[in-house]
Amino acid sequence: MTPEPISPSFPSFQSTVPHYVAGRPNYAPALIQVVADHLRLTKNHRLMDLGCGPGWLGIAFAPLVGSVLGIDPEPAMLEAARAIANAAAVEIELVEGSSFDLSPQLGRFRAVAIGRAFHWMDRADTLRKLDPLIEEDGAVMLFNDVRPDVPQNAWYKRYSAVVDRFTNRSVGFAPELLRHETILLESRFSQLTRIGVIEQRLVPVARLIDRALSMSTSSPEQLGALSGQLAQELTTEMSPFATAGGVVEVIESQVLIAQRC
């Protein structure tokens, strides 16, 4: 397989942090419990949240395991994670770093959670580095969310079209990247299980604007003065779908669990 053209440099997410925390959809709590049961996580286990951002996964798993280590290259994200963990009365260890800093000095883990961040990494190299860190019956867990094609999500196509018009396509990962499943199937972690939990949520339009501004390709840093125009256009386009200032979103929180065969 041709090596991925990835270098240890990441787009800046500093300007996105408040929008990320306010607008990105969090994962269904029910999914966290299903995963914990599937992997038989206990207080005897350690868990890593790699590319943790504001720490949502690490914080969600913290009551179910002995300890959590969150790693992220953006200091502002780590500050947000500390604030969210403190508000939730949850203890997690947070360190600045990335997949390029993985080493045996970090210790051993039952599972490594990665939420919407695997595409930023040299995926094959990351899996090689994680191999000696993960217990033999442990797992890599890739979290994501998708929107089923149901009538409640009719607004999403129009929302995406607006955001796409403001997207800086010179930022972000290459569109020709192979699917995660392809990379995993050629790694030690080739036994794959996908689990999903579907919820219906009412999302304020203001939070959808935050969601758009939370992306590296349409962040306030990228858009500058155009951020206000993006917000105005989204407000206009979402108006026909909104009730009491929000739209109904049917969202599936997913996890791809990769274990050794």
C-alpha atoms as a PDB file:
ATOM      1  CA  MET A   1       0.000   0.000   0.000  1.00  0.00           C
ATOM      2  CA  THR A   2       1.250   3.501  -0.853  1.00  0.00           C
ATOM      3  CA  PRO A   3       2.221   5.417   2.315  1.00  0.00           C
ATOM      4  CA  GLU A   4      -0.141   8.218   3.260  1.00  0.00           C
ATOM      5  CA  PRO A   5       1.210  11.734   2.642  1.00  0.00           C
ATOM      6  CA  ILE A   6       0.803  12.765   6.252  1.00  0.00           C
ATOM      7  CA  SER A   7       3.228  14.893   8.257  1.00  0.00           C
ATOM      8  CA  PRO A   8       3.225  15.759  11.973  1.00  0.00           C
ATOM      9  CA  SER A   9       1.410  19.058  11.344  1.00  0.00           C
ATOM     10  CA  PHE A  10      -2.230  19.734  11.989  1.00  0.00           C
ATOM     11  CA  PRO A  11      -4.582  22.575  11.061  1.00  0.00           C
ATOM     12  CA  SER A  12      -5.183  25.040  13.852  1.00  0.00           C
ATOM     13  CA  PHE A  13      -8.393  24.394  15.750  1.00  0.00           C
ATOM     14  CA  GLN A  14      -7.843  27.242  18.220  1.00  0.00           C
ATOM     15  CA  SER A  15     -10.499  29.502  16.698  1.00  0.00           C
ATOM     16  CA  THR A  16     -13.006  26.646  16.531  1.00  0.00           C
ATOM     17  CA  VAL A  17     -12.941  25.621  20.202  1.00  0.00           C
ATOM     18  CA  PRO A  18     -16.027  27.483  21.527  1.00  0.00           C
ATOM     19  CA  HIS A  19     -17.976  26.571  18.392  1.00  0.00           C
ATOM     20  CA  TYR A  20     -16.843  22.936  18.620  1.00  0.00           C
ATOM     21  CA  VAL A  21     -18.007  22.620  22.209  1.00  0.00           C
ATOM     22  CA  ALA A  22     -21.320  24.347  21.478  1.00  0.00           C
ATOM     23  CA  GLY A  23     -22.131  22.892  18.073  1.00  0.00           C
ATOM     24  CA  ARG A  24     -20.612  19.474  17.447  1.00  0.00           C
ATOM     25  CA  PRO A  25     -23.017  16.634  18.248  1.00  0.00           C
ATOM     26  CA  ASN A  26     -21.891  14.569  21.206  1.00  0.00           C
ATOM     27  CA  TYR A  27     -22.088  10.782  21.123  1.00  0.00           C
ATOM     28  CA  ALA A  28     -25.125   8.977  22.482  1.00  0.00           C
ATOM     29  CA  PRO A  29     -24.590   7.953  26.130  1.00  0.00           C
ATOM     30  CA  ALA A  30     -26.244   4.629  25.328  1.00  0.00           C
ATOM     31  CA  LEU A  31     -23.486   3.900  22.788  1.00  0.00           C
ATOM     32  CA  ILE A  32     -20.790   4.432  25.427  1.00  0.00           C
ATOM     33  CA  GLN A  33     -22.445   1.866  27.698  1.00  0.00           C
ATOM     34  CA  VAL A  34     -22.911  -0.651  24.871  1.00  0.00           C
ATOM     35  CA  VAL A  35     -19.214  -0.343  23.974  1.00  0.00           C
ATOM     36  CA  ALA A  36     -18.160  -0.696  27.601  1.00  0.00           C
ATOM     37  CA  ASP A  37     -20.231  -3.866  27.900  1.00  0.00           C
ATOM     38  CA  HIS A  38     -18.902  -5.218  24.584  1.00  0.00           C
ATOM     39  CA  LEU A  39     -15.282  -4.779  25.677  1.00  0.00           C
ATOM     40  CA  ARG A  40     -15.994  -5.705  29.315  1.00  0.00           C
ATOM     41  CA  LEU A  41     -14.403  -2.508  30.559  1.00  0.00           C
ATOM     42  CA  THR A  42     -13.855  -2.346  34.318  1.00  0.00           C
ATOM     43  CA  LYS A  43     -12.150  -0.176  36.901  1.00  0.00           C
ATOM     44  CA  ASN A  44      -9.025  -2.280  36.327  1.00  0.00           C
ATOM     45  CA  HIS A  45      -8.598  -0.856  32.828  1.00  0.00           C
ATOM     46  CA  ARG A  46      -6.961   2.239  31.346  1.00  0.00           C
ATOM     47  CA  LEU A  47      -8.395   4.021  28.314  1.00  0.00           C
ATOM     48  CA  MET A  48      -6.766   6.500  25.926  1.00  0.00           C
ATOM     49  CA  ASP A  49      -8.736   9.222  24.132  1.00  0.00           C
ATOM     50  CA  LEU A  50      -6.438  10.014  21.190  1.00  0.00           C
ATOM     51  CA  GLY A  51      -7.077  13.339  19.466  1.00  0.00           C
ATOM     52  CA  CYS A  52      -9.437  14.002  22.351  1.00  0.00           C
ATOM     53  CA  GLY A  53     -10.518  17.537  21.457  1.00  0.00           C
ATOM     54  CA  PRO A  54     -12.762  18.726  24.316  1.00  0.00           C
ATOM     55  CA  GLY A  55     -12.521  15.271  25.893  1.00  0.00           C
ATOM     56  CA  TRP A  56     -16.057  14.062  25.326  1.00  0.00           C
ATOM     57  CA  LEU A  57     -15.154  10.405  24.854  1.00  0.00           C
ATOM     58  CA  GLY A  58     -12.653  10.273  27.677  1.00  0.00           C
ATOM     59  CA  ILE A  59     -15.075  11.993  30.041  1.00  0.00           C
ATOM     60  CA  ALA A  60     -17.913   9.661  29.028  1.00  0.00           C
ATOM     61  CA  PHE A  61     -15.816   6.543  29.631  1.00  0.00           C
ATOM     62  CA  ALA A  62     -14.116   7.798  32.818  1.00  0.00           C
ATOM     63  CA  PRO A  63     -16.780   6.502  35.271  1.00  0.00           C
ATOM     64  CA  LEU A  64     -16.527   3.048  33.667  1.00  0.00           C
ATOM     65  CA  VAL A  65     -12.736   2.531  33.779  1.00  0.00           C
ATOM     66  CA  GLY A  66      -9.883   3.009  36.203  1.00  0.00           C
ATOM     67  CA  SER A  67      -8.211   5.942  34.437  1.00  0.00           C
ATOM     68  CA  VAL A  68      -8.291   7.916  31.188  1.00  0.00           C
ATOM     69  CA  LEU A  69      -5.493   9.639  29.292  1.00  0.00           C
ATOM     70  CA  GLY A  70      -6.543  12.301  26.777  1.00  0.00           C
ATOM     71  CA  ILE A  71      -4.061  13.465  24.112  1.00  0.00           C
ATOM     72  CA  ASP A  72      -4.543  16.390  21.722  1.00  0.00           C
ATOM     73  CA  PRO A  73      -2.165  18.746  19.857  1.00  0.00           C
ATOM     74  CA  GLU A  74      -4.322  21.859  20.451  1.00  0.00           C
ATOM     75  CA  PRO A  75      -3.796  23.503  23.883  1.00  0.00           C
ATOM     76  CA  ALA A  76      -7.104  25.364  23.665  1.00  0.00           C
ATOM     77  CA  MET A  77      -8.941  22.059  23.192  1.00  0.00           C
ATOM     78  CA  LEU A  78      -7.223  20.644  26.256  1.00  0.00           C
ATOM     79  CA  GLU A  79      -8.296  23.675  28.290  1.00  0.00           C
ATOM     80  CA  ALA A  80     -11.874  23.080  27.166  1.00  0.00           C
ATOM     81  CA  ALA A  81     -11.568  19.406  28.124  1.00  0.00           C
ATOM     82  CA  ARG A  82     -10.335  20.348  31.599  1.00  0.00           C
ATOM     83  CA  ALA A  83     -13.284  22.692  32.100  1.00  0.00           C
ATOM     84  CA  ILE A  84     -15.809  20.101  30.902  1.00  0.00           C
ATOM     85  CA  ALA A  85     -14.248  17.372  33.055  1.00  0.00           C
ATOM     86  CA  ASN A  86     -14.297  19.631  36.121  1.00  0.00           C
ATOM     87  CA  ALA A  87     -17.943  20.524  35.506  1.00  0.00           C
ATOM     88  CA  ALA A  88     -18.760  16.819  35.261  1.00  0.00           C
ATOM     89  CA  ALA A  89     -16.702  16.047  38.398  1.00  0.00           C
ATOM     90  CA  VAL A  90     -14.655  13.588  36.355  1.00  0.00           C
ATOM     91  CA  GLU A  91     -10.905  13.024  36.586  1.00  0.00           C
ATOM     92  CA  ILE A  92      -8.918  12.483  33.397  1.00  0.00           C
ATOM     93  CA  GLU A  93      -5.266  13.092  32.605  1.00  0.00           C
ATOM     94  CA  LEU A  94      -4.749  15.453  29.675  1.00  0.00           C
ATOM     95  CA  VAL A  95      -1.488  15.944  27.783  1.00  0.00           C
ATOM     96  CA  GLU A  96      -0.488  17.905  24.700  1.00  0.00           C
ATOM     97  CA  GLY A  97       0.620  15.635  21.876  1.00  0.00           C
ATOM     98  CA  SER A  98      -0.545  13.631  18.893  1.00  0.00           C
ATOM     99  CA  SER A  99      -0.401  10.216  17.260  1.00  0.00           C
ATOM    100  CA  PHE A 100       3.196  11.000  16.304  1.00  0.00           C
ATOM    101  CA  ASP A 101       4.106  11.043  20.014  1.00  0.00           C
ATOM    102  CA  LEU A 102       2.823   7.565  20.851  1.00  0.00           C
ATOM    103  CA  SER A 103       5.422   5.515  22.710  1.00  0.00           C
ATOM    104  CA  PRO A 104       5.677   2.655  25.250  1.00  0.00           C
ATOM    105  CA  GLN A 105       6.317   5.276  27.952  1.00  0.00           C
ATOM    106  CA  LEU A 106       2.570   5.953  27.948  1.00  0.00           C
ATOM    107  CA  GLY A 107       1.912   2.500  29.398  1.00  0.00           C
ATOM    108  CA  ARG A 108      -0.707  -0.082  28.489  1.00  0.00           C
ATOM    109  CA  PHE A 109      -4.384   0.433  27.702  1.00  0.00           C
ATOM    110  CA  ARG A 110      -7.448  -1.762  27.358  1.00  0.00           C
ATOM    111  CA  ALA A 111      -8.827   0.481  24.614  1.00  0.00           C
ATOM    112  CA  VAL A 112      -7.992   3.559  22.568  1.00  0.00           C
ATOM    113  CA  ALA A 113     -10.884   5.786  21.516  1.00  0.00           C
ATOM    114  CA  ILE A 114     -10.553   8.113  18.511  1.00  0.00           C
ATOM    115  CA  GLY A 115     -13.412  10.436  17.693  1.00  0.00           C
ATOM    116  CA  ARG A 116     -13.516  12.112  14.248  1.00  0.00           C
ATOM    117  CA  ALA A 117      -9.716  12.398  14.246  1.00  0.00           C
ATOM    118  CA  PHE A 118      -8.295   9.269  12.606  1.00  0.00           C
ATOM    119  CA  HIS A 119      -8.200  10.975   9.186  1.00  0.00           C
ATOM    120  CA  TRP A 120      -5.671  13.522  10.511  1.00  0.00           C
ATOM    121  CA  MET A 121      -3.209  10.756  11.352  1.00  0.00           C
ATOM    122  CA  ASP A 122      -0.837   8.532   9.439  1.00  0.00           C
ATOM    123  CA  ARG A 123      -3.310   5.752  10.090  1.00  0.00           C
ATOM    124  CA  ALA A 124      -1.162   2.702   9.382  1.00  0.00           C
ATOM    125  CA  ASP A 125       1.713   4.111  11.422  1.00  0.00           C
ATOM    126  CA  THR A 126      -0.634   5.027  14.262  1.00  0.00           C
ATOM    127  CA  LEU A 127      -1.960   1.470  14.415  1.00  0.00           C
ATOM    128  CA  ARG A 128       1.600   0.095  14.464  1.00  0.00           C
ATOM    129  CA  LYS A 129       2.477   2.389  17.352  1.00  0.00           C
ATOM    130  CA  LEU A 130      -0.700   1.498  19.232  1.00  0.00           C
ATOM    131  CA  ASP A 131      -0.134  -2.263  18.874  1.00  0.00           C
ATOM    132  CA  PRO A 132       2.326  -2.612  21.789  1.00  0.00           C
ATOM    133  CA  LEU A 133       0.276  -0.209  23.940  1.00  0.00           C
ATOM    134  CA  ILE A 134      -3.034  -2.079  23.746  1.00  0.00           C
ATOM    135  CA  GLU A 135      -3.737  -5.222  25.747  1.00  0.00           C
ATOM    136  CA  GLU A 136      -4.035  -8.406  23.710  1.00  0.00           C
ATOM    137  CA  ASP A 137      -7.840  -8.502  23.962  1.00  0.00           C
ATOM    138  CA  GLY A 138      -8.158  -4.722  23.778  1.00  0.00           C
ATOM    139  CA  ALA A 139      -9.369  -2.538  20.927  1.00  0.00           C
ATOM    140  CA  VAL A 140      -9.085   0.588  18.834  1.00  0.00           C
ATOM    141  CA  MET A 141     -12.458   2.371  18.711  1.00  0.00           C
ATOM    142  CA  LEU A 142     -13.265   4.847  15.938  1.00  0.00           C
ATOM    143  CA  PHE A 143     -16.278   7.025  16.771  1.00  0.00           C
ATOM    144  CA  ASN A 144     -18.312   8.964  14.243  1.00  0.00           C
ATOM    145  CA  ASP A 145     -21.859  10.137  13.547  1.00  0.00           C
ATOM    146  CA  VAL A 146     -24.079   9.920  10.470  1.00  0.00           C
ATOM    147  CA  ARG A 147     -27.536  11.146   9.550  1.00  0.00           C
ATOM    148  CA  PRO A 148     -29.949   8.515   8.200  1.00  0.00           C
ATOM    149  CA  ASP A 149     -31.895   9.468   5.065  1.00  0.00           C
ATOM    150  CA  VAL A 150     -35.201  10.100   6.808  1.00  0.00           C
ATOM    151  CA  PRO A 151     -37.744  12.926   6.351  1.00  0.00           C
ATOM    152  CA  GLN A 152     -36.690  14.622   9.597  1.00  0.00           C
ATOM    153  CA  ASN A 153     -33.243  15.248   8.076  1.00  0.00           C
ATOM    154  CA  ALA A 154     -34.525  17.005   4.956  1.00  0.00           C
ATOM    155  CA  TRP A 155     -32.839  20.224   6.139  1.00  0.00           C
ATOM    156  CA  TYR A 156     -29.381  18.673   6.103  1.00  0.00           C
ATOM    157  CA  LYS A 157     -28.857  18.788   2.333  1.00  0.00           C
ATOM    158  CA  ARG A 158     -29.553  22.511   2.272  1.00  0.00           C
ATOM    159  CA  TYR A 159     -27.367  23.050   5.345  1.00  0.00           C
ATOM    160  CA  SER A 160     -24.459  21.182   3.744  1.00  0.00           C
ATOM    161  CA  ALA A 161     -24.799  23.143   0.505  1.00  0.00           C
ATOM    162  CA  VAL A 162     -24.411  26.450   2.367  1.00  0.00           C
ATOM    163  CA  VAL A 163     -21.408  25.251   4.355  1.00  0.00           C
ATOM    164  CA  ASP A 164     -19.780  23.850   1.214  1.00  0.00           C
ATOM    165  CA  ARG A 165     -19.930  27.274  -0.446  1.00  0.00           C
ATOM    166  CA  PHE A 166     -17.835  28.707   2.377  1.00  0.00           C
ATOM    167  CA  THR A 167     -15.427  25.762   2.664  1.00  0.00           C
ATOM    168  CA  ASN A 168     -11.713  26.342   2.091  1.00  0.00           C
ATOM    169  CA  ARG A 169     -10.805  23.143   0.292  1.00  0.00           C
ATOM    170  CA  SER A 170      -7.072  23.783   0.618  1.00  0.00           C
ATOM    171  CA  VAL A 171      -7.399  22.894   4.309  1.00  0.00           C
ATOM    172  CA  GLY A 172      -8.110  19.427   5.636  1.00  0.00           C
ATOM    173  CA  PHE A 173      -7.433  15.864   4.608  1.00  0.00           C
ATOM    174  CA  ALA A 174      -7.097  14.605   1.064  1.00  0.00           C
ATOM    175  CA  PRO A 175     -10.419  13.340  -0.358  1.00  0.00           C
ATOM    176  CA  GLU A 176      -8.705  10.320  -1.932  1.00  0.00           C
ATOM    177  CA  LEU A 177      -7.893   8.750   1.434  1.00  0.00           C
ATOM    178  CA  LEU A 178      -8.819   5.090   1.669  1.00  0.00           C
ATOM    179  CA  ARG A 179     -11.666   4.217   3.998  1.00  0.00           C
ATOM    180  CA  HIS A 180     -10.708   3.440   7.582  1.00  0.00           C
ATOM    181  CA  GLU A 181     -11.883  -0.152   7.152  1.00  0.00           C
ATOM    182  CA  THR A 182      -9.270  -0.709   4.435  1.00  0.00           C
ATOM    183  CA  ILE A 183      -6.454   0.462   6.691  1.00  0.00           C
ATOM    184  CA  LEU A 184      -7.707  -1.549   9.660  1.00  0.00           C
ATOM    185  CA  LEU A 185      -8.086  -4.759   7.671  1.00  0.00           C
ATOM    186  CA  GLU A 186      -4.417  -4.589   6.739  1.00  0.00           C
ATOM    187  CA  SER A 187      -3.352  -4.017  10.356  1.00  0.00           C
ATOM    188  CA  ARG A 188      -3.153  -6.204  13.448  1.00  0.00           C
ATOM    189  CA  PHE A 189      -6.594  -4.816  14.378  1.00  0.00           C
ATOM    190  CA  SER A 190      -8.504  -6.510  11.571  1.00  0.00           C
ATOM    191  CA  GLN A 191     -11.511  -7.945  13.428  1.00  0.00           C
ATOM    192  CA  LEU A 192     -14.122  -5.238  12.904  1.00  0.00           C
ATOM    193  CA  THR A 193     -17.476  -4.634  14.576  1.00  0.00           C
ATOM    194  CA  ARG A 194     -19.710  -1.623  13.947  1.00  0.00           C
ATOM    195  CA  ILE A 195     -22.296  -0.528  16.505  1.00  0.00           C
ATOM    196  CA  GLY A 196     -24.752   2.355  16.196  1.00  0.00           C
ATOM    197  CA  VAL A 197     -27.341   4.088  18.354  1.00  0.00           C
ATOM    198  CA  ILE A 198     -29.983   6.289  16.702  1.00  0.00           C
ATOM    199  CA  GLU A 199     -31.514   9.289  18.454  1.00  0.00           C
ATOM    200  CA  GLN A 200     -33.850  12.132  17.528  1.00  0.00           C
ATOM    201  CA  ARG A 201     -32.719  15.522  18.842  1.00  0.00           C
ATOM    202  CA  LEU A 202     -33.955  19.110  18.624  1.00  0.00           C
ATOM    203  CA  VAL A 203     -30.974  21.268  17.626  1.00  0.00           C
ATOM    204  CA  PRO A 204     -31.143  25.087  17.871  1.00  0.00           C
ATOM    205  CA  VAL A 205     -30.190  26.816  14.615  1.00  0.00           C
ATOM    206  CA  ALA A 206     -27.546  28.765  16.554  1.00  0.00           C
ATOM    207  CA  ARG A 207     -25.870  25.477  17.409  1.00  0.00           C
ATOM    208  CA  LEU A 208     -25.881  24.462  13.724  1.00  0.00           C
ATOM    209  CA  ILE A 209     -24.023  27.692  12.982  1.00  0.00           C
ATOM    210  CA  ASP A 210     -21.513  26.770  15.677  1.00  0.00           C
ATOM    211  CA  ARG A 211     -21.182  23.351  14.070  1.00  0.00           C
ATOM    212  CA  ALA A 212     -20.247  24.909  10.736  1.00  0.00           C
ATOM    213  CA  LEU A 213     -17.705  27.213  12.383  1.00  0.00           C
ATOM    214  CA  SER A 214     -16.199  24.257  14.272  1.00  0.00           C
ATOM    215  CA  MET A 215     -14.802  22.729  11.075  1.00  0.00           C
ATOM    216  CA  SER A 216     -11.160  23.335  10.154  1.00  0.00           C
ATOM    217  CA  THR A 217     -12.266  24.147   6.594  1.00  0.00           C
ATOM    218  CA  SER A 218     -14.846  26.754   7.630  1.00  0.00           C
ATOM    219  CA  SER A 219     -13.424  28.023  10.918  1.00  0.00           C
ATOM    220  CA  PRO A 220     -13.452  31.693  11.975  1.00  0.00           C
ATOM    221  CA  GLU A 221      -9.700  31.687  11.253  1.00  0.00           C
ATOM    222  CA  GLN A 222     -10.375  30.596   7.668  1.00  0.00           C
ATOM    223  CA  LEU A 223     -13.457  32.746   7.020  1.00  0.00           C
ATOM    224  CA  GLY A 224     -12.628  35.944   8.850  1.00  0.00           C
ATOM    225  CA  ALA A 225     -15.380  38.507   8.130  1.00  0.00           C
ATOM    226  CA  LEU A 226     -17.273  35.900   6.091  1.00  0.00           C
ATOM    227  CA  SER A 227     -18.201  34.105   9.340  1.00  0.00           C
ATOM    228  CA  GLY A 228     -21.102  36.510   9.787  1.00  0.00           C
ATOM    229  CA  GLN A 229     -22.300  35.928   6.232  1.00  0.00           C
ATOM    230  CA  LEU A 230     -22.212  32.159   6.775  1.00  0.00           C
ATOM    231  CA  ALA A 231     -24.282  32.564   9.944  1.00  0.00           C
ATOM    232  CA  GLN A 232     -26.823  34.765   8.149  1.00  0.00           C
ATOM    233  CA  GLU A 233     -27.229  32.380   5.213  1.00  0.00           C
ATOM    234  CA  LEU A 234     -27.631  29.364   7.491  1.00  0.00           C
ATOM    235  CA  THR A 235     -30.271  31.184   9.543  1.00  0.00           C
ATOM    236  CA  THR A 236     -32.194  31.986   6.363  1.00  0.00           C
ATOM    237  CA  GLU A 237     -31.900  28.505   4.861  1.00  0.00           C
ATOM    238  CA  MET A 238     -32.858  26.716   8.088  1.00  0.00           C
ATOM    239  CA  SER A 239     -35.882  28.916   8.745  1.00  0.00           C
ATOM    240  CA  PRO A 240     -38.385  26.783   6.768  1.00  0.00           C
ATOM    241  CA  PHE A 241     -37.363  23.698   8.762  1.00  0.00           C
ATOM    242  CA  ALA A 242     -37.196  25.298  12.221  1.00  0.00           C
ATOM    243  CA  THR A 243     -39.724  25.038  15.008  1.00  0.00           C
ATOM    244  CA  ALA A 244     -39.164  27.158  18.111  1.00  0.00           C
ATOM    245  CA  GLY A 245     -35.722  28.092  16.790  1.00  0.00           C
ATOM    246  CA  GLY A 246     -34.507  24.533  16.205  1.00  0.00           C
ATOM    247  CA  VAL A 247     -34.567  21.697  13.700  1.00  0.00           C
ATOM    248  CA  VAL A 248     -35.174  18.025  14.330  1.00  0.00           C
ATOM    249  CA  GLU A 249     -32.076  15.922  13.677  1.00  0.00           C
ATOM    250  CA  VAL A 250     -32.057  12.150  13.515  1.00  0.00           C
ATOM    251  CA  ILE A 251     -28.465  11.167  14.206  1.00  0.00           C
ATOM    252  CA  GLU A 252     -26.724   7.833  14.514  1.00  0.00           C
ATOM    253  CA  SER A 253     -23.732   7.736  16.843  1.00  0.00           C
ATOM    254  CA  GLN A 254     -21.437   5.022  15.501  1.00  0.00           C
ATOM    255  CA  VAL A 255     -18.334   3.200  16.621  1.00  0.00           C
ATOM    256  CA  LEU A 256     -16.090   0.926  14.578  1.00  0.00           C
ATOM    257  CA  ILE A 257     -14.404  -1.431  17.052  1.00  0.00           C
ATOM    258  CA  ALA A 258     -11.160  -2.959  15.785  1.00  0.00           C
ATOM    259  CA  GLN A 259      -9.623  -5.905  17.638  1.00  0.00           C
ATOM    260  CA  ARG A 260      -6.937  -8.439  16.879  1.00  0.00           C
ATOM    261  CA  CYS A 261      -8.054 -11.674  15.251  1.00  0.00           C
END
